Amino acid sequence: MSQTKTSKAWLRRHVTDPWVQKSKAEGFRARSAYKLKQIDEKEKILARGQFVVDLGAAPGGWSQVAAQAVGPSGAVLALDLLEMEPIPGVRFIQGDFETEEVLREITSALGGRPVDLVLSDMAPNFTGIGAVDQARTAGLAELAMEFAEQVLAPNGAIVLKVFHGVGFDDLLKRLRSRFVKVAVRKPDASRKESSETYFVARGLRDPRPARGNELGLESDQ
């Protein structure tokens, strides 16, 4: 019974959520689109002609925002374990980011081109056990950061979703050691009761060429 009440409460909150209503009115697939928009308003991370990789992309809200921002001269490569309906200007790969097979597919799609922006809104399937969910989320964030270190252009940037708790401070410390500028953002579109936070890091320190090989990946070129 409690689960039913919880589900009904979530549905009621979701339907009446102003960001959900706004996303429907403006043609975005998810309220999360406004999280990226608000981060960009503060950090100016999106620009015409960029090459963007969107990790954990489904249902596509962030990819929509990125595709609009980079325009026809740019490109967006999106990845998710779940299916995602096509978006103009977005190439989609379906698969598990934690597998070597999918990483090789991403590397092939990059074609040796440096990435201007890595977006990661990835989150695991939550178990309801706080410590477990936090650890798994932090693990995904670390994988996304390692990936970004391999593929980003020297002045590139990464946006990482994290949750306060285990691993939060360690990940922030590591980002600050690897990037010139790191900001912590909580967009207005994030639910107030959520501990969800975003790290925005830019400017790799000591960038190195041919970084993709360090992931055990082989370029097709």
C-alpha atoms as a PDB file:
ATOM      1  CA  MET A   1       0.000   0.000   0.000  1.00  0.00           C
ATOM      2  CA  SER A   2       2.790   2.397   0.895  1.00  0.00           C
ATOM      3  CA  GLN A   3       4.447   1.746  -2.467  1.00  0.00           C
ATOM      4  CA  THR A   4       1.162   2.557  -4.231  1.00  0.00           C
ATOM      5  CA  LYS A   5       0.847   5.781  -2.268  1.00  0.00           C
ATOM      6  CA  THR A   6       4.436   6.668  -3.074  1.00  0.00           C
ATOM      7  CA  SER A   7       3.879   6.000  -6.791  1.00  0.00           C
ATOM      8  CA  LYS A   8       0.731   8.114  -6.828  1.00  0.00           C
ATOM      9  CA  ALA A   9       2.502  10.946  -5.010  1.00  0.00           C
ATOM     10  CA  TRP A  10       5.369  10.833  -7.529  1.00  0.00           C
ATOM     11  CA  LEU A  11       2.976  10.871 -10.468  1.00  0.00           C
ATOM     12  CA  ARG A  12       1.030  13.787  -9.033  1.00  0.00           C
ATOM     13  CA  ARG A  13       4.233  15.733  -8.415  1.00  0.00           C
ATOM     14  CA  HIS A  14       5.533  14.900 -11.881  1.00  0.00           C
ATOM     15  CA  VAL A  15       2.349  16.008 -13.666  1.00  0.00           C
ATOM     16  CA  THR A  16       2.192  19.297 -11.771  1.00  0.00           C
ATOM     17  CA  ASP A  17       5.931  20.002 -11.981  1.00  0.00           C
ATOM     18  CA  PRO A  18       6.383  23.370 -13.759  1.00  0.00           C
ATOM     19  CA  TRP A  19       9.559  22.160 -15.478  1.00  0.00           C
ATOM     20  CA  VAL A  20       7.747  19.103 -16.847  1.00  0.00           C
ATOM     21  CA  GLN A  21       4.976  21.357 -18.136  1.00  0.00           C
ATOM     22  CA  LYS A  22       7.509  23.755 -19.640  1.00  0.00           C
ATOM     23  CA  SER A  23       9.389  20.938 -21.369  1.00  0.00           C
ATOM     24  CA  LYS A  24       6.191  19.682 -22.972  1.00  0.00           C
ATOM     25  CA  ALA A  25       5.207  23.166 -24.092  1.00  0.00           C
ATOM     26  CA  GLU A  26       8.617  23.859 -25.636  1.00  0.00           C
ATOM     27  CA  GLY A  27       9.129  20.458 -27.243  1.00  0.00           C
ATOM     28  CA  PHE A  28      11.831  19.021 -24.992  1.00  0.00           C
ATOM     29  CA  ARG A  29      11.724  15.348 -24.099  1.00  0.00           C
ATOM     30  CA  ALA A  30      12.507  15.807 -20.424  1.00  0.00           C
ATOM     31  CA  ARG A  31      12.647  18.426 -17.694  1.00  0.00           C
ATOM     32  CA  SER A  32      16.380  17.715 -17.492  1.00  0.00           C
ATOM     33  CA  ALA A  33      16.839  19.871 -20.607  1.00  0.00           C
ATOM     34  CA  TYR A  34      16.507  22.930 -18.382  1.00  0.00           C
ATOM     35  CA  LYS A  35      19.238  21.705 -16.059  1.00  0.00           C
ATOM     36  CA  LEU A  36      21.715  21.853 -18.933  1.00  0.00           C
ATOM     37  CA  LYS A  37      20.303  25.165 -20.155  1.00  0.00           C
ATOM     38  CA  GLN A  38      20.749  26.692 -16.707  1.00  0.00           C
ATOM     39  CA  ILE A  39      24.255  25.294 -16.321  1.00  0.00           C
ATOM     40  CA  ASP A  40      25.135  26.762 -19.710  1.00  0.00           C
ATOM     41  CA  GLU A  41      23.722  30.153 -18.738  1.00  0.00           C
ATOM     42  CA  LYS A  42      26.216  30.256 -15.871  1.00  0.00           C
ATOM     43  CA  GLU A  43      29.204  28.517 -17.453  1.00  0.00           C
ATOM     44  CA  LYS A  44      28.907  29.210 -21.220  1.00  0.00           C
ATOM     45  CA  ILE A  45      29.973  25.693 -22.145  1.00  0.00           C
ATOM     46  CA  LEU A  46      27.965  25.288 -25.380  1.00  0.00           C
ATOM     47  CA  ALA A  47      28.831  27.003 -28.669  1.00  0.00           C
ATOM     48  CA  ARG A  48      28.273  26.694 -32.403  1.00  0.00           C
ATOM     49  CA  GLY A  49      30.388  24.141 -34.201  1.00  0.00           C
ATOM     50  CA  GLN A  50      31.315  22.095 -31.145  1.00  0.00           C
ATOM     51  CA  PHE A  51      31.694  18.329 -31.002  1.00  0.00           C
ATOM     52  CA  VAL A  52      29.722  17.111 -27.956  1.00  0.00           C
ATOM     53  CA  VAL A  53      29.471  13.645 -26.374  1.00  0.00           C
ATOM     54  CA  ASP A  54      26.361  13.049 -24.242  1.00  0.00           C
ATOM     55  CA  LEU A  55      26.652  10.073 -21.861  1.00  0.00           C
ATOM     56  CA  GLY A  56      23.454   8.736 -20.321  1.00  0.00           C
ATOM     57  CA  ALA A  57      21.481  10.599 -22.952  1.00  0.00           C
ATOM     58  CA  ALA A  58      18.025   8.954 -22.973  1.00  0.00           C
ATOM     59  CA  PRO A  59      15.358  10.163 -23.383  1.00  0.00           C
ATOM     60  CA  GLY A  60      17.292  12.948 -25.110  1.00  0.00           C
ATOM     61  CA  GLY A  61      16.690  16.239 -23.310  1.00  0.00           C
ATOM     62  CA  TRP A  62      20.357  17.148 -23.053  1.00  0.00           C
ATOM     63  CA  SER A  63      21.065  15.984 -26.603  1.00  0.00           C
ATOM     64  CA  GLN A  64      18.262  18.240 -27.865  1.00  0.00           C
ATOM     65  CA  VAL A  65      19.751  21.257 -26.090  1.00  0.00           C
ATOM     66  CA  ALA A  66      23.266  20.427 -27.286  1.00  0.00           C
ATOM     67  CA  ALA A  67      22.181  19.881 -30.908  1.00  0.00           C
ATOM     68  CA  GLN A  68      20.387  23.214 -30.972  1.00  0.00           C
ATOM     69  CA  ALA A  69      23.415  24.963 -29.491  1.00  0.00           C
ATOM     70  CA  VAL A  70      26.115  23.504 -31.767  1.00  0.00           C
ATOM     71  CA  GLY A  71      24.033  23.876 -34.922  1.00  0.00           C
ATOM     72  CA  PRO A  72      24.606  22.193 -38.285  1.00  0.00           C
ATOM     73  CA  SER A  73      28.340  22.929 -38.174  1.00  0.00           C
ATOM     74  CA  GLY A  74      28.686  20.918 -34.953  1.00  0.00           C
ATOM     75  CA  ALA A  75      27.902  17.346 -33.956  1.00  0.00           C
ATOM     76  CA  VAL A  76      26.491  15.445 -30.991  1.00  0.00           C
ATOM     77  CA  LEU A  77      27.295  11.822 -30.183  1.00  0.00           C
ATOM     78  CA  ALA A  78      24.868  10.355 -27.636  1.00  0.00           C
ATOM     79  CA  LEU A  79      25.070   7.119 -25.662  1.00  0.00           C
ATOM     80  CA  ASP A  80      22.684   5.255 -23.398  1.00  0.00           C
ATOM     81  CA  LEU A  81      21.870   1.747 -22.284  1.00  0.00           C
ATOM     82  CA  LEU A  82      18.230   2.451 -23.140  1.00  0.00           C
ATOM     83  CA  GLU A  83      16.735   3.148 -26.549  1.00  0.00           C
ATOM     84  CA  MET A  84      16.385   6.756 -27.667  1.00  0.00           C
ATOM     85  CA  GLU A  85      14.226   8.119 -30.443  1.00  0.00           C
ATOM     86  CA  PRO A  86      16.241   9.851 -33.200  1.00  0.00           C
ATOM     87  CA  ILE A  87      17.106  13.544 -32.857  1.00  0.00           C
ATOM     88  CA  PRO A  88      18.249  15.623 -35.854  1.00  0.00           C
ATOM     89  CA  GLY A  89      21.972  16.282 -35.649  1.00  0.00           C
ATOM     90  CA  VAL A  90      22.557  13.556 -33.059  1.00  0.00           C
ATOM     91  CA  ARG A  91      24.242  10.203 -33.641  1.00  0.00           C
ATOM     92  CA  PHE A  92      23.093   7.646 -31.076  1.00  0.00           C
ATOM     93  CA  ILE A  93      24.880   4.549 -29.792  1.00  0.00           C
ATOM     94  CA  GLN A  94      22.947   2.150 -27.590  1.00  0.00           C
ATOM     95  CA  GLY A  95      25.031   0.171 -25.130  1.00  0.00           C
ATOM     96  CA  ASP A  96      26.689  -0.081 -21.744  1.00  0.00           C
ATOM     97  CA  PHE A  97      29.339   2.593 -21.210  1.00  0.00           C
ATOM     98  CA  GLU A  98      31.150   0.268 -18.799  1.00  0.00           C
ATOM     99  CA  THR A  99      31.987  -2.287 -21.506  1.00  0.00           C
ATOM    100  CA  GLU A 100      35.057  -2.278 -23.737  1.00  0.00           C
ATOM    101  CA  GLU A 101      32.929  -3.087 -26.789  1.00  0.00           C
ATOM    102  CA  VAL A 102      30.910   0.117 -26.426  1.00  0.00           C
ATOM    103  CA  LEU A 103      34.008   2.191 -25.673  1.00  0.00           C
ATOM    104  CA  ARG A 104      35.554   0.919 -28.902  1.00  0.00           C
ATOM    105  CA  GLU A 105      32.388   1.887 -30.789  1.00  0.00           C
ATOM    106  CA  ILE A 106      32.525   5.380 -29.306  1.00  0.00           C
ATOM    107  CA  THR A 107      36.190   5.725 -30.220  1.00  0.00           C
ATOM    108  CA  SER A 108      35.437   4.663 -33.780  1.00  0.00           C
ATOM    109  CA  ALA A 109      32.643   7.227 -33.977  1.00  0.00           C
ATOM    110  CA  LEU A 110      34.975   9.964 -32.731  1.00  0.00           C
ATOM    111  CA  GLY A 111      37.336   9.206 -35.590  1.00  0.00           C
ATOM    112  CA  GLY A 112      40.258  10.842 -33.804  1.00  0.00           C
ATOM    113  CA  ARG A 113      38.465  14.174 -33.539  1.00  0.00           C
ATOM    114  CA  PRO A 114      38.972  15.980 -30.194  1.00  0.00           C
ATOM    115  CA  VAL A 115      35.800  16.500 -28.177  1.00  0.00           C
ATOM    116  CA  ASP A 116      34.860  19.994 -27.022  1.00  0.00           C
ATOM    117  CA  LEU A 117      32.369  18.963 -24.355  1.00  0.00           C
ATOM    118  CA  VAL A 118      31.543  15.748 -22.507  1.00  0.00           C
ATOM    119  CA  LEU A 119      28.153  15.673 -20.788  1.00  0.00           C
ATOM    120  CA  SER A 120      27.373  12.990 -18.234  1.00  0.00           C
ATOM    121  CA  ASP A 121      23.916  12.777 -16.712  1.00  0.00           C
ATOM    122  CA  MET A 122      24.456   9.072 -16.067  1.00  0.00           C
ATOM    123  CA  ALA A 123      22.919   7.373 -13.051  1.00  0.00           C
ATOM    124  CA  PRO A 124      22.568   3.680 -12.162  1.00  0.00           C
ATOM    125  CA  ASN A 125      19.310   1.851 -11.562  1.00  0.00           C
ATOM    126  CA  PHE A 126      18.711   2.804  -7.950  1.00  0.00           C
ATOM    127  CA  THR A 127      18.330   0.076  -5.339  1.00  0.00           C
ATOM    128  CA  GLY A 128      16.977   2.320  -2.607  1.00  0.00           C
ATOM    129  CA  ILE A 129      20.045   1.571  -0.482  1.00  0.00           C
ATOM    130  CA  GLY A 130      21.712   4.948  -0.102  1.00  0.00           C
ATOM    131  CA  ALA A 131      25.307   3.830   0.319  1.00  0.00           C
ATOM    132  CA  VAL A 132      25.092   1.419  -2.623  1.00  0.00           C
ATOM    133  CA  ASP A 133      23.416   3.909  -4.955  1.00  0.00           C
ATOM    134  CA  GLN A 134      25.886   6.663  -4.032  1.00  0.00           C
ATOM    135  CA  ALA A 135      28.882   4.404  -4.649  1.00  0.00           C
ATOM    136  CA  ARG A 136      27.558   3.266  -8.043  1.00  0.00           C
ATOM    137  CA  THR A 137      26.809   6.842  -9.104  1.00  0.00           C
ATOM    138  CA  ALA A 138      30.290   7.965  -8.055  1.00  0.00           C
ATOM    139  CA  GLY A 139      31.755   5.063 -10.028  1.00  0.00           C
ATOM    140  CA  LEU A 140      29.969   6.157 -13.197  1.00  0.00           C
ATOM    141  CA  ALA A 141      31.140   9.730 -12.674  1.00  0.00           C
ATOM    142  CA  GLU A 142      34.726   8.530 -12.346  1.00  0.00           C
ATOM    143  CA  LEU A 143      34.429   6.532 -15.573  1.00  0.00           C
ATOM    144  CA  ALA A 144      33.039   9.577 -17.374  1.00  0.00           C
ATOM    145  CA  MET A 145      35.891  11.724 -16.074  1.00  0.00           C
ATOM    146  CA  GLU A 146      38.504   9.170 -17.171  1.00  0.00           C
ATOM    147  CA  PHE A 147      36.890   9.075 -20.599  1.00  0.00           C
ATOM    148  CA  ALA A 148      36.901  12.882 -20.818  1.00  0.00           C
ATOM    149  CA  GLU A 149      40.586  13.012 -19.912  1.00  0.00           C
ATOM    150  CA  GLN A 150      41.293  10.799 -22.933  1.00  0.00           C
ATOM    151  CA  VAL A 151      39.176  12.551 -25.551  1.00  0.00           C
ATOM    152  CA  LEU A 152      38.815  16.229 -24.621  1.00  0.00           C
ATOM    153  CA  ALA A 153      40.478  19.011 -26.554  1.00  0.00           C
ATOM    154  CA  PRO A 154      42.911  21.033 -24.358  1.00  0.00           C
ATOM    155  CA  ASN A 155      40.290  23.719 -23.708  1.00  0.00           C
ATOM    156  CA  GLY A 156      37.408  21.248 -23.547  1.00  0.00           C
ATOM    157  CA  ALA A 157      34.957  20.869 -20.677  1.00  0.00           C
ATOM    158  CA  ILE A 158      32.995  18.199 -18.849  1.00  0.00           C
ATOM    159  CA  VAL A 159      29.703  18.308 -16.942  1.00  0.00           C
ATOM    160  CA  LEU A 160      29.297  15.505 -14.385  1.00  0.00           C
ATOM    161  CA  LYS A 161      26.234  14.555 -12.373  1.00  0.00           C
ATOM    162  CA  VAL A 162      27.054  13.568  -8.793  1.00  0.00           C
ATOM    163  CA  PHE A 163      25.244  13.169  -5.502  1.00  0.00           C
ATOM    164  CA  HIS A 164      26.425  14.374  -2.112  1.00  0.00           C
ATOM    165  CA  GLY A 165      27.832  11.507  -0.094  1.00  0.00           C
ATOM    166  CA  VAL A 166      30.521   8.865  -0.512  1.00  0.00           C
ATOM    167  CA  GLY A 167      33.072   9.819  -3.155  1.00  0.00           C
ATOM    168  CA  PHE A 168      31.807  13.398  -3.644  1.00  0.00           C
ATOM    169  CA  ASP A 169      34.802  15.175  -2.105  1.00  0.00           C
ATOM    170  CA  ASP A 170      37.327  12.777  -3.631  1.00  0.00           C
ATOM    171  CA  LEU A 171      35.942  13.284  -7.126  1.00  0.00           C
ATOM    172  CA  LEU A 172      35.916  17.065  -6.692  1.00  0.00           C
ATOM    173  CA  LYS A 173      39.519  16.968  -5.505  1.00  0.00           C
ATOM    174  CA  ARG A 174      40.561  14.858  -8.476  1.00  0.00           C
ATOM    175  CA  LEU A 175      38.814  17.181 -10.917  1.00  0.00           C
ATOM    176  CA  ARG A 176      40.591  20.174  -9.423  1.00  0.00           C
ATOM    177  CA  SER A 177      43.921  18.406  -9.831  1.00  0.00           C
ATOM    178  CA  ARG A 178      43.262  17.630 -13.504  1.00  0.00           C
ATOM    179  CA  PHE A 179      41.396  20.726 -14.707  1.00  0.00           C
ATOM    180  CA  VAL A 180      42.199  24.428 -14.558  1.00  0.00           C
ATOM    181  CA  LYS A 181      38.706  25.540 -13.551  1.00  0.00           C
ATOM    182  CA  VAL A 182      36.053  23.577 -11.643  1.00  0.00           C
ATOM    183  CA  ALA A 183      32.612  24.837 -10.610  1.00  0.00           C
ATOM    184  CA  VAL A 184      29.845  23.196  -8.569  1.00  0.00           C
ATOM    185  CA  ARG A 185      26.313  23.887  -9.811  1.00  0.00           C
ATOM    186  CA  LYS A 186      22.818  23.064  -8.582  1.00  0.00           C
ATOM    187  CA  PRO A 187      20.405  24.154 -11.363  1.00  0.00           C
ATOM    188  CA  ASP A 188      16.999  25.536 -10.387  1.00  0.00           C
ATOM    189  CA  ALA A 189      15.439  22.736 -12.460  1.00  0.00           C
ATOM    190  CA  SER A 190      16.916  20.121 -10.121  1.00  0.00           C
ATOM    191  CA  ARG A 191      14.441  19.005  -7.503  1.00  0.00           C
ATOM    192  CA  LYS A 192      15.096  20.834  -4.247  1.00  0.00           C
ATOM    193  CA  GLU A 193      14.851  17.660  -2.183  1.00  0.00           C
ATOM    194  CA  SER A 194      17.469  15.894  -4.345  1.00  0.00           C
ATOM    195  CA  SER A 195      21.180  15.879  -3.464  1.00  0.00           C
ATOM    196  CA  GLU A 196      21.904  15.901  -7.199  1.00  0.00           C
ATOM    197  CA  THR A 197      24.707  18.293  -8.097  1.00  0.00           C
ATOM    198  CA  TYR A 198      26.779  18.972 -11.194  1.00  0.00           C
ATOM    199  CA  PHE A 199      30.528  19.490 -11.480  1.00  0.00           C
ATOM    200  CA  VAL A 200      31.638  21.626 -14.424  1.00  0.00           C
ATOM    201  CA  ALA A 201      35.343  21.340 -15.222  1.00  0.00           C
ATOM    202  CA  ARG A 202      37.294  22.850 -18.091  1.00  0.00           C
ATOM    203  CA  GLY A 203      40.851  23.190 -19.348  1.00  0.00           C
ATOM    204  CA  LEU A 204      42.828  19.975 -18.947  1.00  0.00           C
ATOM    205  CA  ARG A 205      46.126  20.369 -17.159  1.00  0.00           C
ATOM    206  CA  ASP A 206      48.994  18.816 -19.110  1.00  0.00           C
ATOM    207  CA  PRO A 207      46.867  17.483 -21.995  1.00  0.00           C
ATOM    208  CA  ARG A 208      48.519  14.694 -23.936  1.00  0.00           C
ATOM    209  CA  PRO A 209      48.005  13.508 -27.545  1.00  0.00           C
ATOM    210  CA  ALA A 210      46.577  10.123 -28.521  1.00  0.00           C
ATOM    211  CA  ARG A 211      44.882   9.830 -25.127  1.00  0.00           C
ATOM    212  CA  GLY A 212      42.327   7.286 -26.386  1.00  0.00           C
ATOM    213  CA  ASN A 213      44.899   4.499 -26.385  1.00  0.00           C
ATOM    214  CA  GLU A 214      45.216   4.802 -22.596  1.00  0.00           C
ATOM    215  CA  LEU A 215      41.677   3.457 -22.312  1.00  0.00           C
ATOM    216  CA  GLY A 216      42.763   0.365 -24.194  1.00  0.00           C
ATOM    217  CA  LEU A 217      40.957   1.641 -27.277  1.00  0.00           C
ATOM    218  CA  GLU A 218      42.113   1.546 -30.847  1.00  0.00           C
ATOM    219  CA  SER A 219      41.356   4.280 -33.331  1.00  0.00           C
ATOM    220  CA  ASP A 220      40.167   3.254 -36.775  1.00  0.00           C
ATOM    221  CA  GLN A 221      42.419   5.835 -38.313  1.00  0.00           C
END
